[in-house]
């Protein structure tokens, strides 16, 4: 047990958000961490994993219903579905099943942290008001992020525990097999372009090359998440969390190309999900020739997500000043973030 009894239940422990949060908590030295995911994981000092089917309330109750020591729930799980409406039932059900299993037995529960995103502002639907602010008007449902927050607000009334909602932009960090991993999209796309002797072309919509957007570093998000969960000022509040700078792909793209030693050619709109579908044999040959770690092509592919991000031909950013007003003042230079992540992928032998 940690010295002051802080026990974190991280739900979605292998995603780009949850995985980096687990690593951050473990390094702090004053947390015990329980990672929840479908596939579990190897334990280490201050960390153990539980494999759970969160869509099954019986399995959730059986696996999580004895965790009386939990003080903080960090919810970052996600189930993908083809349509916005289909996203609602599974993603709401998983959160409900976690809270239903843990809250009755965790008498020392202090906080439930919910990971959201700019879908709350309708960013996935088309051009939205920018900069988006936490108190902006809602939009027409369906939207599972909103339903999840409504559930927590209702469930928390009259309870001693509090909640917070973190709203990052596109989260960048290390994760494998994650459907929403832009860093991996960029690294693998550039690696394959280099292998084919091609320049690095921006594949998104023409207007997306010059739109303003921002990113959220996964390490920064982890620190902000713990801050919001432990600072009493943040009780029952939502916060936009972003790196703090804005950029356009038209200026960032040449920097990324330069990192990989590539020239830049004019943008060419194309679906990465389509044009990269036949590249698995090529990727395997890259892995073999460079002695890379044996990750499958599926584990390093997030092409559908890349198409979504590169398709935003409108400004995509939110106001992060509320977090600063409440006491969180950290920031990250996005260009340096990409370089650090690419360096990490090379160090892990994911890319050559």
Protein backbone atom coordinates (compact mmCIF):
# COMPACT_ATOMS: atom_id res chain seq x y z
CA UNK A 1 0.00 0.00 0.00
CA UNK A 2 1.21 3.52 -0.75
CA UNK A 3 2.28 5.68 2.16
CA UNK A 4 -0.86 7.80 2.14
CA UNK A 5 -3.22 5.11 0.88
CA UNK A 6 -3.54 6.24 -2.75
CA UNK A 7 -4.61 3.34 -4.94
CA UNK A 8 -5.34 4.05 -8.60
CA UNK A 9 -7.58 1.92 -10.77
CA UNK A 10 -6.61 2.77 -14.36
CA UNK A 11 -9.27 1.53 -16.75
CA UNK A 12 -7.94 1.18 -20.28
CA UNK A 13 -4.41 0.58 -19.07
CA UNK A 14 -2.85 -0.27 -22.44
CA UNK A 15 -4.08 2.64 -24.55
CA UNK A 16 -1.98 5.64 -25.43
CA UNK A 17 -3.66 7.58 -22.59
CA UNK A 18 -4.01 4.85 -19.97
CA UNK A 19 -0.60 3.32 -20.63
CA UNK A 20 1.23 6.61 -20.17
CA UNK A 21 -0.85 7.36 -17.08
CA UNK A 22 0.14 4.01 -15.56
CA UNK A 23 3.81 4.73 -16.21
CA UNK A 24 3.50 8.18 -14.65
CA UNK A 25 1.72 6.95 -11.52
CA UNK A 26 4.21 4.14 -10.95
CA UNK A 27 7.15 6.55 -11.10
CA UNK A 28 5.63 8.84 -8.46
CA UNK A 29 6.35 6.40 -5.64
CA UNK A 30 3.24 7.20 -3.61
CA UNK A 31 0.67 5.28 -5.66
CA UNK A 32 -0.32 1.65 -5.91
CA UNK A 33 -1.67 1.02 -9.41
CA UNK A 34 -4.17 -1.53 -10.71
CA UNK A 35 -4.41 -1.65 -14.49
CA UNK A 36 -7.64 -2.82 -16.08
CA UNK A 37 -7.82 -4.02 -19.68
CA UNK A 38 -9.14 -6.86 -21.77
CA UNK A 39 -5.79 -8.64 -22.01
CA UNK A 40 -4.23 -7.96 -18.61
CA UNK A 41 -0.48 -7.60 -18.27
CA UNK A 42 2.67 -8.48 -16.37
CA UNK A 43 2.93 -7.14 -12.81
CA UNK A 44 5.79 -5.02 -11.52
CA UNK A 45 6.57 -3.08 -8.37
CA UNK A 46 3.49 -1.07 -7.35
CA UNK A 47 1.57 -2.35 -10.39
CA UNK A 48 -0.74 -5.26 -11.05
CA UNK A 49 -3.11 -5.94 -13.91
CA UNK A 50 -6.61 -7.36 -14.10
CA UNK A 51 -8.11 -8.71 -17.33
CA UNK A 52 -11.80 -7.80 -17.51
CA UNK A 53 -14.56 -7.76 -20.10
CA UNK A 54 -16.07 -4.43 -19.12
CA UNK A 55 -19.05 -4.97 -21.39
CA UNK A 56 -20.06 -7.90 -19.19
CA UNK A 57 -21.43 -6.58 -15.88
CA UNK A 58 -21.07 -10.01 -14.29
CA UNK A 59 -17.37 -10.25 -15.19
CA UNK A 60 -16.81 -6.65 -14.10
CA UNK A 61 -18.43 -7.32 -10.73
CA UNK A 62 -16.49 -10.55 -10.27
CA UNK A 63 -13.09 -9.04 -11.16
CA UNK A 64 -13.48 -5.53 -9.69
CA UNK A 65 -16.01 -6.02 -6.92
CA UNK A 66 -13.37 -6.90 -4.35
CA UNK A 67 -11.17 -3.85 -4.85
CA UNK A 68 -12.04 -2.17 -1.58
CA UNK A 69 -8.67 -0.42 -1.46
CA UNK A 70 -9.25 1.76 -4.53
CA UNK A 71 -9.18 5.51 -3.83
CA UNK A 72 -9.08 6.89 -7.38
CA UNK A 73 -10.63 5.59 -10.59
CA UNK A 74 -9.04 6.85 -13.81
CA UNK A 75 -11.32 5.93 -16.68
CA UNK A 76 -9.73 5.94 -20.15
CA UNK A 77 -11.30 2.91 -21.85
CA UNK A 78 -12.82 3.09 -25.31
CA UNK A 79 -14.72 0.77 -27.63
CA UNK A 80 -14.80 1.75 -31.30
CA UNK A 81 -17.94 1.38 -33.39
CA UNK A 82 -18.85 2.36 -36.99
CA UNK A 83 -21.28 5.19 -36.17
CA UNK A 84 -21.65 7.91 -33.55
CA UNK A 85 -24.92 6.38 -32.32
CA UNK A 86 -23.38 2.91 -31.98
CA UNK A 87 -20.57 4.32 -29.84
CA UNK A 88 -22.94 5.30 -27.04
CA UNK A 89 -24.23 1.99 -25.58
CA UNK A 90 -20.89 0.15 -25.13
CA UNK A 91 -18.91 3.14 -23.93
CA UNK A 92 -21.53 4.20 -21.43
CA UNK A 93 -22.07 0.61 -20.28
CA UNK A 94 -18.36 0.06 -19.55
CA UNK A 95 -18.17 3.12 -17.31
CA UNK A 96 -21.39 2.19 -15.54
CA UNK A 97 -20.15 -1.37 -14.98
CA UNK A 98 -16.88 -0.11 -13.48
CA UNK A 99 -18.59 2.29 -11.09
CA UNK A 100 -21.27 -0.24 -10.17
CA UNK A 101 -18.57 -2.77 -9.27
CA UNK A 102 -16.13 -0.50 -7.42
CA UNK A 103 -18.15 2.21 -5.69
CA UNK A 104 -20.10 -0.02 -3.27
CA UNK A 105 -16.95 -1.69 -1.89
CA UNK A 106 -14.37 1.13 -2.12
CA UNK A 107 -15.38 3.00 1.01
CA UNK A 108 -12.36 5.27 0.71
CA UNK A 109 -13.10 6.27 -2.88
CA UNK A 110 -12.07 9.89 -3.36
CA UNK A 111 -12.31 10.60 -7.07
CA UNK A 112 -13.42 9.34 -10.47
CA UNK A 113 -11.54 10.81 -13.44
CA UNK A 114 -13.18 10.66 -16.86
CA UNK A 115 -11.23 11.00 -20.10
CA UNK A 116 -13.17 12.80 -22.79
CA UNK A 117 -12.19 14.86 -25.84
CA UNK A 118 -13.31 17.59 -28.18
CA UNK A 119 -16.27 15.50 -29.34
CA UNK A 120 -18.00 17.22 -26.42
CA UNK A 121 -17.84 20.38 -28.55
CA UNK A 122 -18.94 18.66 -31.76
CA UNK A 123 -15.43 18.69 -33.22
CA UNK A 124 -16.07 15.35 -34.95
CA UNK A 125 -19.11 16.70 -36.78
CA UNK A 126 -17.51 19.60 -38.62
CA UNK A 127 -16.35 23.17 -38.05
CA UNK A 128 -17.02 24.04 -34.40
CA UNK A 129 -16.58 27.17 -32.33
CA UNK A 130 -12.93 27.82 -31.59
CA UNK A 131 -11.39 28.19 -29.17
CA UNK A 132 -13.77 25.73 -27.50
CA UNK A 133 -14.40 26.36 -23.82
CA UNK A 134 -15.60 24.06 -21.08
CA UNK A 135 -18.85 26.00 -20.64
CA UNK A 136 -19.77 26.06 -24.33
CA UNK A 137 -23.31 25.07 -25.28
CA UNK A 138 -23.93 21.41 -26.01
CA UNK A 139 -24.81 19.93 -29.38
CA UNK A 140 -27.32 17.47 -30.76
CA UNK A 141 -26.73 13.89 -29.55
CA UNK A 142 -25.67 11.13 -29.85
CA UNK A 143 -22.36 11.66 -28.03
CA UNK A 144 -21.04 9.12 -25.52
CA UNK A 145 -18.65 11.59 -23.82
CA UNK A 146 -21.63 13.70 -22.77
CA UNK A 147 -23.64 10.68 -21.62
CA UNK A 148 -20.70 9.45 -19.55
CA UNK A 149 -20.32 12.81 -17.81
CA UNK A 150 -24.06 13.03 -17.18
CA UNK A 151 -23.89 9.61 -15.54
CA UNK A 152 -21.04 10.65 -13.23
CA UNK A 153 -22.69 13.92 -12.29
CA UNK A 154 -25.88 12.09 -11.36
CA UNK A 155 -24.09 9.27 -9.54
CA UNK A 156 -21.89 11.65 -7.53
CA UNK A 157 -24.70 13.66 -5.95
CA UNK A 158 -24.67 13.18 -2.21
CA UNK A 159 -21.42 11.19 -2.27
CA UNK A 160 -18.08 11.99 -0.66
CA UNK A 161 -16.12 11.29 -3.82
CA UNK A 162 -15.76 13.84 -6.63
CA UNK A 163 -15.24 13.64 -10.38
CA UNK A 164 -13.26 15.45 -13.05
CA UNK A 165 -13.37 15.34 -16.85
CA UNK A 166 -10.22 15.82 -18.93
CA UNK A 167 -10.63 17.01 -22.52
CA UNK A 168 -7.42 16.59 -24.54
CA UNK A 169 -6.91 17.25 -28.21
CA UNK A 170 -5.24 14.53 -30.31
CA UNK A 171 -3.16 12.58 -27.79
CA UNK A 172 0.35 11.64 -28.88
CA UNK A 173 2.53 9.08 -27.13
CA UNK A 174 3.65 5.46 -27.24
CA UNK A 175 1.11 2.68 -27.59
CA UNK A 176 0.74 -0.40 -29.76
CA UNK A 177 -2.49 -1.75 -31.21
CA UNK A 178 -4.28 1.51 -30.49
CA UNK A 179 -6.92 2.71 -32.95
CA UNK A 180 -6.17 6.38 -32.20
CA UNK A 181 -2.41 6.85 -32.39
CA UNK A 182 -1.35 9.71 -34.66
CA UNK A 183 2.33 9.46 -33.72
CA UNK A 184 2.43 5.89 -35.02
CA UNK A 185 0.59 6.93 -38.18
CA UNK A 186 3.21 9.57 -38.92
CA UNK A 187 6.18 7.34 -38.08
CA UNK A 188 5.06 4.32 -40.09
CA UNK A 189 3.82 6.40 -43.03
CA UNK A 190 7.18 8.19 -43.19
CA UNK A 191 9.10 4.92 -42.84
CA UNK A 192 7.20 3.31 -45.70
CA UNK A 193 7.56 6.44 -47.84
CA UNK A 194 11.32 6.29 -47.29
CA UNK A 195 11.40 2.60 -48.15
CA UNK A 196 9.66 3.31 -51.46
CA UNK A 197 11.93 6.27 -52.24
CA UNK A 198 9.03 8.69 -52.10
CA UNK A 199 8.77 12.19 -50.66
CA UNK A 200 6.49 12.75 -47.71
CA UNK A 201 3.14 13.97 -49.01
CA UNK A 202 0.39 15.29 -46.77
CA UNK A 203 -2.53 12.91 -47.50
CA UNK A 204 -5.40 14.93 -46.06
CA UNK A 205 -7.98 17.31 -47.42
CA UNK A 206 -6.53 20.44 -49.08
CA UNK A 207 -7.94 22.78 -46.44
CA UNK A 208 -6.52 20.67 -43.61
CA UNK A 209 -2.95 21.54 -44.57
CA UNK A 210 -3.46 25.15 -43.49
CA UNK A 211 -5.99 24.80 -40.66
CA UNK A 212 -4.95 25.65 -37.10
CA UNK A 213 -4.80 22.75 -34.67
CA UNK A 214 -3.12 21.53 -31.51
CA UNK A 215 -1.98 18.30 -29.89
CA UNK A 216 -1.83 16.90 -26.37
CA UNK A 217 1.31 15.12 -25.22
CA UNK A 218 0.43 11.89 -23.38
CA UNK A 219 2.91 12.57 -20.59
CA UNK A 220 1.53 16.08 -20.09
CA UNK A 221 -1.98 14.65 -20.03
CA UNK A 222 -0.98 12.10 -17.40
CA UNK A 223 0.35 14.82 -15.12
CA UNK A 224 -2.75 16.95 -15.66
CA UNK A 225 -5.03 13.99 -14.97
CA UNK A 226 -3.40 13.27 -11.61
CA UNK A 227 -3.43 16.98 -10.76
CA UNK A 228 -7.16 17.27 -11.44
CA UNK A 229 -7.86 14.13 -9.42
CA UNK A 230 -5.94 15.27 -6.36
CA UNK A 231 -6.32 19.06 -6.19
CA UNK A 232 -9.49 19.92 -4.22
CA UNK A 233 -10.03 22.99 -6.41
CA UNK A 234 -10.74 20.69 -9.37
CA UNK A 235 -13.61 18.80 -7.79
CA UNK A 236 -16.50 18.26 -10.20
CA UNK A 237 -14.90 20.26 -13.01
CA UNK A 238 -14.01 19.70 -16.66
CA UNK A 239 -10.72 20.89 -18.16
CA UNK A 240 -9.34 21.26 -21.66
CA UNK A 241 -5.79 19.92 -21.66
CA UNK A 242 -3.51 20.75 -24.59
CA UNK A 243 0.16 21.43 -25.24
CA UNK A 244 -0.39 25.17 -25.25
CA UNK A 245 0.75 25.96 -28.79
CA UNK A 246 -0.97 25.98 -32.18
CA UNK A 247 0.41 24.90 -35.54
CA UNK A 248 -0.51 24.23 -39.15
CA UNK A 249 0.48 21.04 -40.95
CA UNK A 250 1.94 23.27 -43.66
CA UNK A 251 4.69 24.27 -41.21
CA UNK A 252 4.89 21.05 -39.16
CA UNK A 253 4.99 18.65 -42.12
CA UNK A 254 8.44 19.75 -43.39
CA UNK A 255 9.85 19.31 -39.87
CA UNK A 256 8.52 15.75 -39.70
CA UNK A 257 9.87 15.00 -43.18
CA UNK A 258 13.27 16.39 -42.19
CA UNK A 259 13.40 14.09 -39.15
CA UNK A 260 13.03 11.08 -41.44
CA UNK A 261 15.40 12.48 -44.07
CA UNK A 262 12.62 12.94 -46.62
CA UNK A 263 11.78 15.62 -49.12
CA UNK A 264 8.33 17.19 -49.10
CA UNK A 265 6.12 17.13 -52.18
CA UNK A 266 2.79 18.93 -52.62
CA UNK A 267 -0.14 17.44 -50.68
CA UNK A 268 -2.08 14.68 -52.41
CA UNK A 269 -5.46 13.81 -50.89
CA UNK A 270 -5.80 10.06 -50.39
CA UNK A 271 -7.23 7.60 -47.92
CA UNK A 272 -4.43 6.04 -45.88
CA UNK A 273 -6.78 3.25 -44.86
CA UNK A 274 -7.05 2.37 -48.56
CA UNK A 275 -3.54 2.96 -49.90
CA UNK A 276 -1.79 1.36 -46.90
CA UNK A 277 -4.01 -1.74 -46.87
CA UNK A 278 -1.58 -3.75 -49.04
CA UNK A 279 1.63 -2.64 -47.30
CA UNK A 280 1.91 -5.44 -44.71
CA UNK A 281 4.45 -7.48 -46.73
CA UNK A 282 6.52 -4.35 -47.29
CA UNK A 283 6.40 -3.54 -43.58
CA UNK A 284 7.47 -7.07 -42.71
CA UNK A 285 10.46 -6.77 -45.01
CA UNK A 286 11.43 -3.51 -43.24
CA UNK A 287 11.17 -5.25 -39.88
CA UNK A 288 13.31 -8.18 -41.06
CA UNK A 289 16.01 -6.10 -42.73
CA UNK A 290 16.42 -3.64 -39.85
CA UNK A 291 15.98 -6.16 -37.05
CA UNK A 292 13.02 -4.30 -35.58
CA UNK A 293 10.85 -5.53 -32.74
CA UNK A 294 8.36 -8.16 -33.90
CA UNK A 295 5.19 -6.11 -33.86
CA UNK A 296 2.51 -7.01 -36.34
CA UNK A 297 1.40 -4.57 -39.01
CA UNK A 298 -1.97 -4.32 -37.29
CA UNK A 299 -0.26 -3.23 -34.06
CA UNK A 300 1.43 -0.28 -35.76
CA UNK A 301 -1.46 0.74 -38.02
CA UNK A 302 -3.96 3.45 -37.13
CA UNK A 303 -4.74 4.53 -40.68
CA UNK A 304 -8.44 5.20 -40.16
CA UNK A 305 -7.62 7.61 -37.36
CA UNK A 306 -4.97 9.30 -39.48
CA UNK A 307 -7.55 9.85 -42.21
CA UNK A 308 -9.87 11.45 -39.65
CA UNK A 309 -7.23 13.86 -38.29
CA UNK A 310 -5.88 14.78 -41.71
CA UNK A 311 -9.44 15.38 -42.86
CA UNK A 312 -10.06 18.28 -40.49
CA UNK A 313 -10.16 21.14 -42.96
CA UNK A 314 -11.26 23.51 -40.19
CA UNK A 315 -9.58 24.94 -37.10
CA UNK A 316 -9.35 22.42 -34.26
CA UNK A 317 -8.38 23.83 -30.88
CA UNK A 318 -9.71 24.66 -27.44
CA UNK A 319 -9.03 27.24 -24.75
CA UNK A 320 -6.73 25.76 -22.10
CA UNK A 321 -6.75 28.72 -19.72
CA UNK A 322 -9.22 27.23 -17.24
CA UNK A 323 -6.65 24.61 -16.20
CA UNK A 324 -4.09 27.37 -15.73
CA UNK A 325 -6.51 29.42 -13.65
CA UNK A 326 -7.02 26.38 -11.42
CA UNK A 327 -3.28 25.83 -11.00
CA UNK A 328 -1.92 23.63 -13.83
CA UNK A 329 0.73 25.58 -15.74
CA UNK A 330 2.68 22.97 -17.69
CA UNK A 331 3.10 23.12 -21.46
CA UNK A 332 4.87 21.19 -24.22
CA UNK A 333 6.35 22.36 -27.53
CA UNK A 334 4.56 20.21 -30.12
CA UNK A 335 7.46 20.07 -32.58
CA UNK A 336 9.78 18.86 -29.82
CA UNK A 337 7.09 16.39 -28.72
CA UNK A 338 7.05 14.71 -32.14
CA UNK A 339 10.84 14.48 -32.16
CA UNK A 340 10.86 12.91 -28.69
CA UNK A 341 8.20 10.37 -29.61
CA UNK A 342 9.95 9.40 -32.86
CA UNK A 343 13.21 9.02 -30.91
CA UNK A 344 11.40 6.76 -28.46
CA UNK A 345 9.95 4.63 -31.27
CA UNK A 346 13.47 4.19 -32.64
CA UNK A 347 14.83 3.32 -29.21
CA UNK A 348 12.12 0.68 -28.83
CA UNK A 349 13.01 -0.63 -32.31
CA UNK A 350 9.50 -0.01 -33.61
CA UNK A 351 10.85 1.98 -36.57
CA UNK A 352 14.38 1.98 -38.06
